[in-house]
PDB file of N, CA and C in Angstrom:
ATOM      1  N   MET A   1     -23.898  42.429  19.580  1.00  0.00           N
ATOM      2  CA  MET A   1     -24.454  40.720  19.916  1.00  0.00           C
ATOM      3  C   MET A   1     -22.805  39.916  20.334  1.00  0.00           C
ATOM      4  N   PRO A   2     -23.468  39.358  21.534  1.00  0.00           N
ATOM      5  CA  PRO A   2     -22.604  38.730  22.350  1.00  0.00           C
ATOM      6  C   PRO A   2     -21.734  37.746  21.996  1.00  0.00           C
ATOM      7  N   THR A   3     -20.233  37.581  22.344  1.00  0.00           N
ATOM      8  CA  THR A   3     -19.620  36.646  21.182  1.00  0.00           C
ATOM      9  C   THR A   3     -20.287  35.147  21.992  1.00  0.00           C
ATOM     10  N   ILE A   4     -20.151  34.323  20.815  1.00  0.00           N
ATOM     11  CA  ILE A   4     -20.703  32.740  21.246  1.00  0.00           C
ATOM     12  C   ILE A   4     -19.278  32.121  21.765  1.00  0.00           C
ATOM     13  N   LYS A   5     -19.136  31.269  23.170  1.00  0.00           N
ATOM     14  CA  LYS A   5     -18.329  30.680  23.160  1.00  0.00           C
ATOM     15  C   LYS A   5     -18.113  29.089  22.612  1.00  0.00           C
ATOM     16  N   HIS A   6     -16.840  28.848  22.549  1.00  0.00           N
ATOM     17  CA  HIS A   6     -17.105  27.605  21.501  1.00  0.00           C
ATOM     18  C   HIS A   6     -17.292  26.072  22.507  1.00  0.00           C
ATOM     19  N   ASN A   7     -17.218  26.173  23.427  1.00  0.00           N
ATOM     20  CA  ASN A   7     -17.947  25.093  24.618  1.00  0.00           C
ATOM     21  C   ASN A   7     -18.973  24.576  24.871  1.00  0.00           C
ATOM     22  N   LEU A   8     -20.096  25.701  24.193  1.00  0.00           N
ATOM     23  CA  LEU A   8     -21.885  25.934  24.196  1.00  0.00           C
ATOM     24  C   LEU A   8     -22.085  24.173  23.477  1.00  0.00           C
ATOM     25  N   SER A   9     -23.197  23.914  23.612  1.00  0.00           N
ATOM     26  CA  SER A   9     -23.949  23.054  22.808  1.00  0.00           C
ATOM     27  C   SER A   9     -24.710  23.957  22.072  1.00  0.00           C
ATOM     28  N   LYS A  10     -25.331  23.383  20.681  1.00  0.00           N
ATOM     29  CA  LYS A  10     -25.495  23.867  19.631  1.00  0.00           C
ATOM     30  C   LYS A  10     -27.001  24.836  20.062  1.00  0.00           C
ATOM     31  N   ILE A  11     -27.597  23.754  21.156  1.00  0.00           N
ATOM     32  CA  ILE A  11     -29.156  24.733  21.554  1.00  0.00           C
ATOM     33  C   ILE A  11     -28.746  25.939  22.326  1.00  0.00           C
ATOM     34  N   GLU A  12     -27.663  25.971  23.135  1.00  0.00           N
ATOM     35  CA  GLU A  12     -27.153  27.177  24.241  1.00  0.00           C
ATOM     36  C   GLU A  12     -26.731  28.210  22.906  1.00  0.00           C
ATOM     37  N   LYS A  13     -25.915  27.937  22.186  1.00  0.00           N
ATOM     38  CA  LYS A  13     -25.529  28.877  21.076  1.00  0.00           C
ATOM     39  C   LYS A  13     -26.973  29.542  20.604  1.00  0.00           C
ATOM     40  N   ARG A  14     -27.346  29.086  20.068  1.00  0.00           N
ATOM     41  CA  ARG A  14     -28.641  29.261  18.871  1.00  0.00           C
ATOM     42  C   ARG A  14     -29.639  29.946  19.876  1.00  0.00           C
ATOM     43  N   LYS A  15     -29.598  30.184  21.105  1.00  0.00           N
ATOM     44  CA  LYS A  15     -30.649  30.635  22.213  1.00  0.00           C
ATOM     45  C   LYS A  15     -29.972  31.780  22.635  1.00  0.00           C
ATOM     46  N   ILE A  16     -28.737  31.887  22.656  1.00  0.00           N
ATOM     47  CA  ILE A  16     -27.941  33.353  23.009  1.00  0.00           C
ATOM     48  C   ILE A  16     -28.092  34.487  21.485  1.00  0.00           C
ATOM     49  N   ARG A  17     -27.800  33.052  20.716  1.00  0.00           N
ATOM     50  CA  ARG A  17     -28.074  34.228  19.161  1.00  0.00           C
ATOM     51  C   ARG A  17     -29.463  34.862  18.944  1.00  0.00           C
ATOM     52  N   VAL A  18     -30.324  34.222  19.482  1.00  0.00           N
ATOM     53  CA  VAL A  18     -32.070  34.346  18.916  1.00  0.00           C
ATOM     54  C   VAL A  18     -32.114  35.572  19.926  1.00  0.00           C
ATOM     55  N   ARG A  19     -31.219  35.233  21.233  1.00  0.00           N
ATOM     56  CA  ARG A  19     -31.417  36.401  22.392  1.00  0.00           C
ATOM     57  C   ARG A  19     -31.084  37.571  22.424  1.00  0.00           C
ATOM     58  N   ALA A  20     -30.050  37.763  21.158  1.00  0.00           N
ATOM     59  CA  ALA A  20     -29.069  38.979  22.109  1.00  0.00           C
ATOM     60  C   ALA A  20     -29.657  40.118  21.103  1.00  0.00           C
ATOM     61  N   HIS A  21     -30.673  39.888  20.187  1.00  0.00           N
ATOM     62  CA  HIS A  21     -31.168  41.058  19.559  1.00  0.00           C
ATOM     63  C   HIS A  21     -32.687  41.177  20.065  1.00  0.00           C
ATOM     64  N   MET A  22     -33.912  41.031  21.549  1.00  0.00           N
ATOM     65  CA  MET A  22     -34.404  41.144  21.570  1.00  0.00           C
ATOM     66  C   MET A  22     -34.774  41.783  23.295  1.00  0.00           C
ATOM     67  N   VAL A  23     -35.400  42.773  23.497  1.00  0.00           N
ATOM     68  CA  VAL A  23     -35.383  43.348  24.745  1.00  0.00           C
ATOM     69  C   VAL A  23     -36.503  43.813  24.801  1.00  0.00           C
ATOM     70  N   GLY A  24     -37.548  42.868  25.764  1.00  0.00           N
ATOM     71  CA  GLY A  24     -39.184  43.555  25.843  1.00  0.00           C
ATOM     72  C   GLY A  24     -39.559  44.912  26.485  1.00  0.00           C
ATOM     73  N   THR A  25     -40.169  45.546  25.611  1.00  0.00           N
ATOM     74  CA  THR A  25     -40.280  46.621  26.397  1.00  0.00           C
ATOM     75  C   THR A  25     -41.827  47.132  26.835  1.00  0.00           C
ATOM     76  N   ALA A  26     -42.677  47.971  27.407  1.00  0.00           N
ATOM     77  CA  ALA A  26     -43.854  48.185  27.531  1.00  0.00           C
ATOM     78  C   ALA A  26     -44.498  48.354  26.418  1.00  0.00           C
ATOM     79  N   GLU A  27     -43.745  48.909  25.786  1.00  0.00           N
ATOM     80  CA  GLU A  27     -44.724  49.460  24.102  1.00  0.00           C
ATOM     81  C   GLU A  27     -44.789  47.769  23.594  1.00  0.00           C
ATOM     82  N   ARG A  28     -43.896  47.162  23.589  1.00  0.00           N
ATOM     83  CA  ARG A  28     -43.925  45.789  22.621  1.00  0.00           C
ATOM     84  C   ARG A  28     -43.234  44.733  23.636  1.00  0.00           C
ATOM     85  N   PRO A  29     -43.616  44.155  24.384  1.00  0.00           N
ATOM     86  CA  PRO A  29     -42.878  42.664  25.224  1.00  0.00           C
ATOM     87  C   PRO A  29     -42.655  42.134  24.507  1.00  0.00           C
ATOM     88  N   ARG A  30     -41.803  40.534  25.423  1.00  0.00           N
ATOM     89  CA  ARG A  30     -41.138  39.972  24.759  1.00  0.00           C
ATOM     90  C   ARG A  30     -42.187  38.884  25.001  1.00  0.00           C
ATOM     91  N   LEU A  31     -42.528  37.439  23.545  1.00  0.00           N
ATOM     92  CA  LEU A  31     -43.036  36.426  24.308  1.00  0.00           C
ATOM     93  C   LEU A  31     -42.161  35.107  24.161  1.00  0.00           C
ATOM     94  N   SER A  32     -42.088  34.631  25.175  1.00  0.00           N
ATOM     95  CA  SER A  32     -41.498  33.565  25.702  1.00  0.00           C
ATOM     96  C   SER A  32     -42.288  32.573  25.290  1.00  0.00           C
ATOM     97  N   VAL A  33     -41.399  31.686  24.461  1.00  0.00           N
ATOM     98  CA  VAL A  33     -42.038  29.961  24.615  1.00  0.00           C
ATOM     99  C   VAL A  33     -41.179  28.918  25.035  1.00  0.00           C
ATOM    100  N   LEU A  34     -41.686  27.929  25.767  1.00  0.00           N
ATOM    101  CA  LEU A  34     -40.939  27.309  26.640  1.00  0.00           C
ATOM    102  C   LEU A  34     -41.650  25.658  26.252  1.00  0.00           C
ATOM    103  N   ARG A  35     -41.225  25.078  25.266  1.00  0.00           N
ATOM    104  CA  ARG A  35     -41.465  23.887  24.911  1.00  0.00           C
ATOM    105  C   ARG A  35     -41.076  22.595  25.315  1.00  0.00           C
ATOM    106  N   THR A  36     -41.694  21.451  26.096  1.00  0.00           N
ATOM    107  CA  THR A  36     -41.220  20.308  26.568  1.00  0.00           C
ATOM    108  C   THR A  36     -41.909  18.864  25.378  1.00  0.00           C
ATOM    109  N   ASN A  37     -41.385  18.124  26.099  1.00  0.00           N
ATOM    110  CA  ASN A  37     -41.967  17.201  25.208  1.00  0.00           C
ATOM    111  C   ASN A  37     -43.441  17.268  24.817  1.00  0.00           C
ATOM    112  N   GLU A  38     -44.209  17.355  26.563  1.00  0.00           N
ATOM    113  CA  GLU A  38     -45.877  17.170  26.179  1.00  0.00           C
ATOM    114  C   GLU A  38     -46.546  18.624  26.539  1.00  0.00           C
ATOM    115  N   HIS A  39     -45.432  19.637  26.856  1.00  0.00           N
ATOM    116  CA  HIS A  39     -46.672  20.783  27.494  1.00  0.00           C
ATOM    117  C   HIS A  39     -45.886  21.961  26.241  1.00  0.00           C
ATOM    118  N   ILE A  40     -46.546  22.956  26.637  1.00  0.00           N
ATOM    119  CA  ILE A  40     -46.133  24.310  26.016  1.00  0.00           C
ATOM    120  C   ILE A  40     -46.230  25.572  26.864  1.00  0.00           C
ATOM    121  N   SER A  41     -45.362  26.584  27.140  1.00  0.00           N
ATOM    122  CA  SER A  41     -45.844  27.638  28.196  1.00  0.00           C
ATOM    123  C   SER A  41     -45.408  29.010  27.514  1.00  0.00           C
ATOM    124  N   LEU A  42     -46.543  29.636  27.549  1.00  0.00           N
ATOM    125  CA  LEU A  42     -45.697  31.004  26.827  1.00  0.00           C
ATOM    126  C   LEU A  42     -46.074  32.357  27.836  1.00  0.00           C
ATOM    127  N   GLN A  43     -44.885  32.836  27.915  1.00  0.00           N
ATOM    128  CA  GLN A  43     -45.041  34.032  28.917  1.00  0.00           C
ATOM    129  C   GLN A  43     -44.817  35.699  28.055  1.00  0.00           C
ATOM    130  N   VAL A  44     -45.635  36.577  28.317  1.00  0.00           N
ATOM    131  CA  VAL A  44     -45.391  37.680  27.912  1.00  0.00           C
ATOM    132  C   VAL A  44     -44.382  38.852  29.088  1.00  0.00           C
ATOM    133  N   ILE A  45     -43.328  39.174  28.500  1.00  0.00           N
ATOM    134  CA  ILE A  45     -42.398  39.730  29.406  1.00  0.00           C
ATOM    135  C   ILE A  45     -41.810  41.200  29.203  1.00  0.00           C
ATOM    136  N   ASN A  46     -42.208  41.976  29.979  1.00  0.00           N
ATOM    137  CA  ASN A  46     -41.532  43.209  29.955  1.00  0.00           C
ATOM    138  C   ASN A  46     -40.488  43.589  30.758  1.00  0.00           C
ATOM    139  N   ASP A  47     -38.967  43.544  29.626  1.00  0.00           N
ATOM    140  CA  ASP A  47     -37.477  42.905  30.523  1.00  0.00           C
ATOM    141  C   ASP A  47     -37.032  44.304  31.118  1.00  0.00           C
ATOM    142  N   GLU A  48     -37.751  45.421  30.893  1.00  0.00           N
ATOM    143  CA  GLU A  48     -37.372  46.823  31.318  1.00  0.00           C
ATOM    144  C   GLU A  48     -37.491  46.506  32.768  1.00  0.00           C
ATOM    145  N   VAL A  49     -38.336  46.126  33.410  1.00  0.00           N
ATOM    146  CA  VAL A  49     -38.955  46.110  34.704  1.00  0.00           C
ATOM    147  C   VAL A  49     -38.866  44.608  35.410  1.00  0.00           C
ATOM    148  N   GLY A  50     -38.486  43.732  34.172  1.00  0.00           N
ATOM    149  CA  GLY A  50     -38.168  42.178  34.792  1.00  0.00           C
ATOM    150  C   GLY A  50     -39.526  41.683  35.167  1.00  0.00           C
ATOM    151  N   LYS A  51     -40.787  41.439  34.496  1.00  0.00           N
ATOM    152  CA  LYS A  51     -41.692  41.417  35.289  1.00  0.00           C
ATOM    153  C   LYS A  51     -42.880  40.704  34.105  1.00  0.00           C
ATOM    154  N   THR A  52     -43.248  39.690  34.287  1.00  0.00           N
ATOM    155  CA  THR A  52     -44.238  38.667  33.287  1.00  0.00           C
ATOM    156  C   THR A  52     -45.315  39.413  33.566  1.00  0.00           C
ATOM    157  N   LEU A  53     -46.019  39.938  31.916  1.00  0.00           N
ATOM    158  CA  LEU A  53     -47.439  40.421  32.347  1.00  0.00           C
ATOM    159  C   LEU A  53     -48.264  39.680  31.495  1.00  0.00           C
ATOM    160  N   VAL A  54     -48.328  38.499  31.085  1.00  0.00           N
ATOM    161  CA  VAL A  54     -49.354  37.478  31.176  1.00  0.00           C
ATOM    162  C   VAL A  54     -48.709  36.370  31.218  1.00  0.00           C
ATOM    163  N   ALA A  55     -49.205  34.786  31.001  1.00  0.00           N
ATOM    164  CA  ALA A  55     -48.698  34.035  30.986  1.00  0.00           C
ATOM    165  C   ALA A  55     -49.935  32.652  30.781  1.00  0.00           C
ATOM    166  N   ALA A  56     -50.063  32.018  30.111  1.00  0.00           N
ATOM    167  CA  ALA A  56     -50.699  31.065  29.561  1.00  0.00           C
ATOM    168  C   ALA A  56     -49.803  29.636  29.645  1.00  0.00           C
ATOM    169  N   SER A  57     -50.684  28.244  29.957  1.00  0.00           N
ATOM    170  CA  SER A  57     -50.021  26.649  29.720  1.00  0.00           C
ATOM    171  C   SER A  57     -51.269  26.304  29.648  1.00  0.00           C
ATOM    172  N   ASP A  58     -50.566  24.918  28.893  1.00  0.00           N
ATOM    173  CA  ASP A  58     -51.308  23.520  29.117  1.00  0.00           C
ATOM    174  C   ASP A  58     -51.055  22.819  30.856  1.00  0.00           C
ATOM    175  N   MET A  59     -49.831  23.283  30.976  1.00  0.00           N
ATOM    176  CA  MET A  59     -49.846  22.445  32.469  1.00  0.00           C
ATOM    177  C   MET A  59     -50.677  22.187  33.379  1.00  0.00           C
ATOM    178  N   GLY A  60     -50.850  21.269  33.853  1.00  0.00           N
ATOM    179  CA  GLY A  60     -52.364  21.144  34.968  1.00  0.00           C
ATOM    180  C   GLY A  60     -53.197  21.282  34.522  1.00  0.00           C
ATOM    181  N   LYS A  61     -53.719  21.240  33.585  1.00  0.00           N
ATOM    182  CA  LYS A  61     -55.129  21.384  32.966  1.00  0.00           C
ATOM    183  C   LYS A  61     -55.470  19.762  32.939  1.00  0.00           C
ATOM    184  N   LYS A  62     -56.660  19.706  32.375  1.00  0.00           N
ATOM    185  CA  LYS A  62     -57.148  17.909  32.446  1.00  0.00           C
ATOM    186  C   LYS A  62     -56.323  17.286  31.611  1.00  0.00           C
ATOM    187  N   ALA A  63     -56.772  16.091  31.262  1.00  0.00           N
ATOM    188  CA  ALA A  63     -56.210  14.870  30.641  1.00  0.00           C
ATOM    189  C   ALA A  63     -55.867  15.705  29.049  1.00  0.00           C
ATOM    190  N   PRO A  64     -55.101  15.946  28.549  1.00  0.00           N
ATOM    191  CA  PRO A  64     -54.621  16.401  27.277  1.00  0.00           C
ATOM    192  C   PRO A  64     -55.436  15.571  26.146  1.00  0.00           C
ATOM    193  N   THR A  65     -56.103  16.290  25.702  1.00  0.00           N
ATOM    194  CA  THR A  65     -57.126  15.988  24.165  1.00  0.00           C
ATOM    195  C   THR A  65     -55.888  16.729  23.111  1.00  0.00           C
ATOM    196  N   GLY A  66     -56.332  15.875  21.866  1.00  0.00           N
ATOM    197  CA  GLY A  66     -55.767  16.306  20.637  1.00  0.00           C
ATOM    198  C   GLY A  66     -54.080  16.742  20.234  1.00  0.00           C
ATOM    199  N   THR A  67     -53.923  16.913  19.406  1.00  0.00           N
ATOM    200  CA  THR A  67     -51.934  16.448  19.103  1.00  0.00           C
ATOM    201  C   THR A  67     -51.405  17.966  19.885  1.00  0.00           C
ATOM    202  N   LYS A  68     -50.534  17.906  20.093  1.00  0.00           N
ATOM    203  CA  LYS A  68     -49.475  18.582  21.116  1.00  0.00           C
ATOM    204  C   LYS A  68     -49.859  19.876  19.906  1.00  0.00           C
ATOM    205  N   THR A  69     -49.644  19.925  18.712  1.00  0.00           N
ATOM    206  CA  THR A  69     -49.956  21.259  18.129  1.00  0.00           C
ATOM    207  C   THR A  69     -51.171  21.708  18.279  1.00  0.00           C
ATOM    208  N   GLU A  70     -52.605  21.202  17.887  1.00  0.00           N
ATOM    209  CA  GLU A  70     -53.653  21.660  18.489  1.00  0.00           C
ATOM    210  C   GLU A  70     -53.649  22.444  20.029  1.00  0.00           C
ATOM    211  N   ARG A  71     -52.847  21.592  21.043  1.00  0.00           N
ATOM    212  CA  ARG A  71     -53.223  22.254  22.199  1.00  0.00           C
ATOM    213  C   ARG A  71     -52.345  23.417  22.776  1.00  0.00           C
ATOM    214  N   ALA A  72     -51.380  23.700  21.644  1.00  0.00           N
ATOM    215  CA  ALA A  72     -50.691  24.466  21.563  1.00  0.00           C
ATOM    216  C   ALA A  72     -51.593  25.589  20.908  1.00  0.00           C
ATOM    217  N   GLN A  73     -52.172  25.600  20.175  1.00  0.00           N
ATOM    218  CA  GLN A  73     -52.678  26.521  19.446  1.00  0.00           C
ATOM    219  C   GLN A  73     -54.122  27.019  20.311  1.00  0.00           C
ATOM    220  N   LYS A  74     -54.822  26.027  21.024  1.00  0.00           N
ATOM    221  CA  LYS A  74     -55.416  26.398  21.893  1.00  0.00           C
ATOM    222  C   LYS A  74     -54.674  27.191  23.527  1.00  0.00           C
ATOM    223  N   VAL A  75     -53.668  26.953  23.338  1.00  0.00           N
ATOM    224  CA  VAL A  75     -53.147  27.716  24.641  1.00  0.00           C
ATOM    225  C   VAL A  75     -52.714  28.923  24.388  1.00  0.00           C
ATOM    226  N   THR A  76     -52.704  29.207  22.611  1.00  0.00           N
ATOM    227  CA  THR A  76     -52.266  30.532  22.037  1.00  0.00           C
ATOM    228  C   THR A  76     -53.365  31.547  22.251  1.00  0.00           C
ATOM    229  N   GLN A  77     -54.969  30.641  21.853  1.00  0.00           N
ATOM    230  CA  GLN A  77     -55.977  31.011  22.669  1.00  0.00           C
ATOM    231  C   GLN A  77     -56.243  32.076  23.831  1.00  0.00           C
ATOM    232  N   GLU A  78     -55.820  31.096  24.274  1.00  0.00           N
ATOM    233  CA  GLU A  78     -56.004  31.798  26.068  1.00  0.00           C
ATOM    234  C   GLU A  78     -55.277  32.806  25.897  1.00  0.00           C
ATOM    235  N   LEU A  79     -53.811  32.752  25.705  1.00  0.00           N
ATOM    236  CA  LEU A  79     -53.255  34.172  25.778  1.00  0.00           C
ATOM    237  C   LEU A  79     -53.636  35.328  25.283  1.00  0.00           C
ATOM    238  N   VAL A  80     -54.272  35.145  24.105  1.00  0.00           N
ATOM    239  CA  VAL A  80     -54.628  36.603  23.089  1.00  0.00           C
ATOM    240  C   VAL A  80     -55.791  36.938  24.032  1.00  0.00           C
ATOM    241  N   LYS A  81     -56.826  36.017  24.565  1.00  0.00           N
ATOM    242  CA  LYS A  81     -57.703  36.592  25.010  1.00  0.00           C
ATOM    243  C   LYS A  81     -57.195  37.355  26.517  1.00  0.00           C
ATOM    244  N   ALA A  82     -55.848  37.072  26.936  1.00  0.00           N
ATOM    245  CA  ALA A  82     -55.548  37.964  28.198  1.00  0.00           C
ATOM    246  C   ALA A  82     -54.878  38.926  27.667  1.00  0.00           C
ATOM    247  N   LEU A  83     -54.167  38.925  26.221  1.00  0.00           N
ATOM    248  CA  LEU A  83     -53.406  40.155  26.031  1.00  0.00           C
ATOM    249  C   LEU A  83     -54.446  40.993  25.339  1.00  0.00           C
ATOM    250  N   LYS A  84     -55.632  41.059  25.067  1.00  0.00           N
ATOM    251  CA  LYS A  84     -56.647  41.570  24.588  1.00  0.00           C
ATOM    252  C   LYS A  84     -56.738  42.147  26.093  1.00  0.00           C
ATOM    253  N   LYS A  85     -57.334  41.178  26.878  1.00  0.00           N
ATOM    254  CA  LYS A  85     -58.106  42.295  28.177  1.00  0.00           C
ATOM    255  C   LYS A  85     -56.189  43.203  28.720  1.00  0.00           C
ATOM    256  N   ALA A  86     -55.407  42.982  28.984  1.00  0.00           N
ATOM    257  CA  ALA A  86     -54.246  43.721  29.349  1.00  0.00           C
ATOM    258  C   ALA A  86     -53.661  44.816  28.201  1.00  0.00           C
ATOM    259  N   LYS A  87     -54.779  44.955  26.679  1.00  0.00           N
ATOM    260  CA  LYS A  87     -54.698  46.022  25.809  1.00  0.00           C
ATOM    261  C   LYS A  87     -53.165  45.640  25.167  1.00  0.00           C
ATOM    262  N   ILE A  88     -52.639  44.360  25.203  1.00  0.00           N
ATOM    263  CA  ILE A  88     -51.269  44.985  24.517  1.00  0.00           C
ATOM    264  C   ILE A  88     -51.496  44.049  22.891  1.00  0.00           C
ATOM    265  N   GLU A  89     -51.144  44.574  21.858  1.00  0.00           N
ATOM    266  CA  GLU A  89     -51.188  44.357  20.543  1.00  0.00           C
ATOM    267  C   GLU A  89     -49.784  43.835  19.708  1.00  0.00           C
ATOM    268  N   LYS A  90     -48.908  44.512  20.275  1.00  0.00           N
ATOM    269  CA  LYS A  90     -47.530  44.388  19.835  1.00  0.00           C
ATOM    270  C   LYS A  90     -46.715  43.529  20.705  1.00  0.00           C
ATOM    271  N   ILE A  91     -46.299  42.616  20.056  1.00  0.00           N
ATOM    272  CA  ILE A  91     -44.942  41.431  20.667  1.00  0.00           C
ATOM    273  C   ILE A  91     -43.729  41.364  20.051  1.00  0.00           C
ATOM    274  N   MET A  92     -42.819  41.215  20.593  1.00  0.00           N
ATOM    275  CA  MET A  92     -41.728  40.074  20.110  1.00  0.00           C
ATOM    276  C   MET A  92     -41.743  38.833  20.102  1.00  0.00           C
ATOM    277  N   PHE A  93     -41.519  38.547  19.303  1.00  0.00           N
ATOM    278  CA  PHE A  93     -41.576  36.612  19.158  1.00  0.00           C
ATOM    279  C   PHE A  93     -40.305  36.105  19.697  1.00  0.00           C
ATOM    280  N   ASP A  94     -40.188  35.418  20.686  1.00  0.00           N
ATOM    281  CA  ASP A  94     -38.932  34.884  21.384  1.00  0.00           C
ATOM    282  C   ASP A  94     -39.002  32.931  21.408  1.00  0.00           C
ATOM    283  N   ARG A  95     -38.305  32.758  20.014  1.00  0.00           N
ATOM    284  CA  ARG A  95     -38.565  31.028  20.393  1.00  0.00           C
ATOM    285  C   ARG A  95     -37.771  30.511  20.814  1.00  0.00           C
ATOM    286  N   GLY A  96     -36.905  31.274  21.712  1.00  0.00           N
ATOM    287  CA  GLY A  96     -35.454  30.618  22.215  1.00  0.00           C
ATOM    288  C   GLY A  96     -34.587  29.941  21.657  1.00  0.00           C
ATOM    289  N   SER A  97     -34.430  28.569  21.996  1.00  0.00           N
ATOM    290  CA  SER A  97     -33.404  27.888  21.208  1.00  0.00           C
ATOM    291  C   SER A  97     -34.218  26.584  20.281  1.00  0.00           C
ATOM    292  N   TYR A  98     -35.511  26.766  20.709  1.00  0.00           N
ATOM    293  CA  TYR A  98     -36.620  26.194  19.317  1.00  0.00           C
ATOM    294  C   TYR A  98     -36.098  26.637  17.795  1.00  0.00           C
ATOM    295  N   LYS A  99     -35.879  25.530  16.921  1.00  0.00           N
ATOM    296  CA  LYS A  99     -36.435  25.922  15.460  1.00  0.00           C
ATOM    297  C   LYS A  99     -38.027  26.415  14.593  1.00  0.00           C
ATOM    298  N   TYR A 100     -38.102  27.422  14.714  1.00  0.00           N
ATOM    299  CA  TYR A 100     -39.409  27.842  13.643  1.00  0.00           C
ATOM    300  C   TYR A 100     -40.342  26.624  12.619  1.00  0.00           C
ATOM    301  N   HIS A 101     -40.741  25.578  13.569  1.00  0.00           N
ATOM    302  CA  HIS A 101     -41.156  24.540  13.288  1.00  0.00           C
ATOM    303  C   HIS A 101     -41.951  24.264  14.131  1.00  0.00           C
ATOM    304  N   GLY A 102     -43.143  23.534  13.837  1.00  0.00           N
ATOM    305  CA  GLY A 102     -44.162  22.738  14.698  1.00  0.00           C
ATOM    306  C   GLY A 102     -44.951  23.314  15.234  1.00  0.00           C
ATOM    307  N   ARG A 103     -44.384  23.163  16.589  1.00  0.00           N
ATOM    308  CA  ARG A 103     -45.413  23.976  17.768  1.00  0.00           C
ATOM    309  C   ARG A 103     -45.391  25.422  18.040  1.00  0.00           C
ATOM    310  N   VAL A 104     -43.977  25.865  17.502  1.00  0.00           N
ATOM    311  CA  VAL A 104     -43.620  27.093  17.775  1.00  0.00           C
ATOM    312  C   VAL A 104     -43.934  27.730  16.435  1.00  0.00           C
ATOM    313  N   LYS A 105     -43.805  27.484  15.090  1.00  0.00           N
ATOM    314  CA  LYS A 105     -44.626  28.328  14.268  1.00  0.00           C
ATOM    315  C   LYS A 105     -46.311  27.960  14.780  1.00  0.00           C
ATOM    316  N   ALA A 106     -46.642  27.182  15.145  1.00  0.00           N
ATOM    317  CA  ALA A 106     -48.330  26.751  15.266  1.00  0.00           C
ATOM    318  C   ALA A 106     -48.813  28.240  16.007  1.00  0.00           C
ATOM    319  N   VAL A 107     -47.819  28.563  17.361  1.00  0.00           N
ATOM    320  CA  VAL A 107     -48.017  29.535  18.038  1.00  0.00           C
ATOM    321  C   VAL A 107     -48.018  30.674  17.353  1.00  0.00           C
ATOM    322  N   ALA A 108     -47.202  31.247  16.388  1.00  0.00           N
ATOM    323  CA  ALA A 108     -46.825  31.901  15.515  1.00  0.00           C
ATOM    324  C   ALA A 108     -47.843  32.744  15.180  1.00  0.00           C
ATOM    325  N   GLU A 109     -48.492  31.848  14.175  1.00  0.00           N
ATOM    326  CA  GLU A 109     -49.484  31.964  12.894  1.00  0.00           C
ATOM    327  C   GLU A 109     -50.947  31.808  13.971  1.00  0.00           C
ATOM    328  N   THR A 110     -50.925  31.677  14.955  1.00  0.00           N
ATOM    329  CA  THR A 110     -52.363  31.542  15.740  1.00  0.00           C
ATOM    330  C   THR A 110     -52.710  33.313  16.043  1.00  0.00           C
ATOM    331  N   LEU A 111     -51.235  33.787  16.800  1.00  0.00           N
ATOM    332  CA  LEU A 111     -50.934  34.977  17.163  1.00  0.00           C
ATOM    333  C   LEU A 111     -51.650  36.215  16.167  1.00  0.00           C
ATOM    334  N   ARG A 112     -51.058  35.567  14.787  1.00  0.00           N
ATOM    335  CA  ARG A 112     -51.207  36.609  13.634  1.00  0.00           C
ATOM    336  C   ARG A 112     -52.711  36.322  13.127  1.00  0.00           C
ATOM    337  N   ALA A 113     -53.083  35.488  13.728  1.00  0.00           N
ATOM    338  CA  ALA A 113     -54.664  35.067  12.724  1.00  0.00           C
ATOM    339  C   ALA A 113     -55.330  35.992  13.546  1.00  0.00           C
ATOM    340  N   GLU A 114     -55.164  35.995  14.999  1.00  0.00           N
ATOM    341  CA  GLU A 114     -55.951  36.597  16.044  1.00  0.00           C
ATOM    342  C   GLU A 114     -55.883  38.123  16.282  1.00  0.00           C
ATOM    343  N   GLY A 115     -55.037  38.436  15.460  1.00  0.00           N
ATOM    344  CA  GLY A 115     -54.639  40.064  14.921  1.00  0.00           C
ATOM    345  C   GLY A 115     -53.841  40.560  16.070  1.00  0.00           C
ATOM    346  N   ILE A 116     -52.795  40.043  16.691  1.00  0.00           N
ATOM    347  CA  ILE A 116     -51.726  40.292  17.548  1.00  0.00           C
ATOM    348  C   ILE A 116     -50.511  40.752  16.457  1.00  0.00           C
ATOM    349  N   ASN A 117     -49.942  41.796  16.079  1.00  0.00           N
ATOM    350  CA  ASN A 117     -48.765  42.023  15.285  1.00  0.00           C
ATOM    351  C   ASN A 117     -47.610  41.216  16.598  1.00  0.00           C
ATOM    352  N   VAL A 118     -47.020  40.345  15.687  1.00  0.00           N
ATOM    353  CA  VAL A 118     -46.094  39.676  15.806  1.00  0.00           C
ATOM    354  C   VAL A 118     -44.468  39.827  15.306  1.00  0.00           C
TER     355      VAL A 118
END
């Protein structure tokens, strides 16, 4: 695990700490979560090649309906369809600097409910 500098913010330290143990492979790619105040974006990445395999987002869609958690679940279901089409059944869940709570937790639970091994 890399040493964490003292002049980094708590968010940067948490991101380094979480990410230090994860490397997405062809057999088990990494799911990266990007959460903003309004949107959520999900990417499945093979770090060995440095390539995004599958992605889903609610940005650029129609006017948002439902709560942010409900929208995150819809985006996750879109991602699951693309994962099944790409024949990916196992992923590593990279929450980045976000706590495992709220929308991030809803994404992980929806993936598990849809049969993806997280």
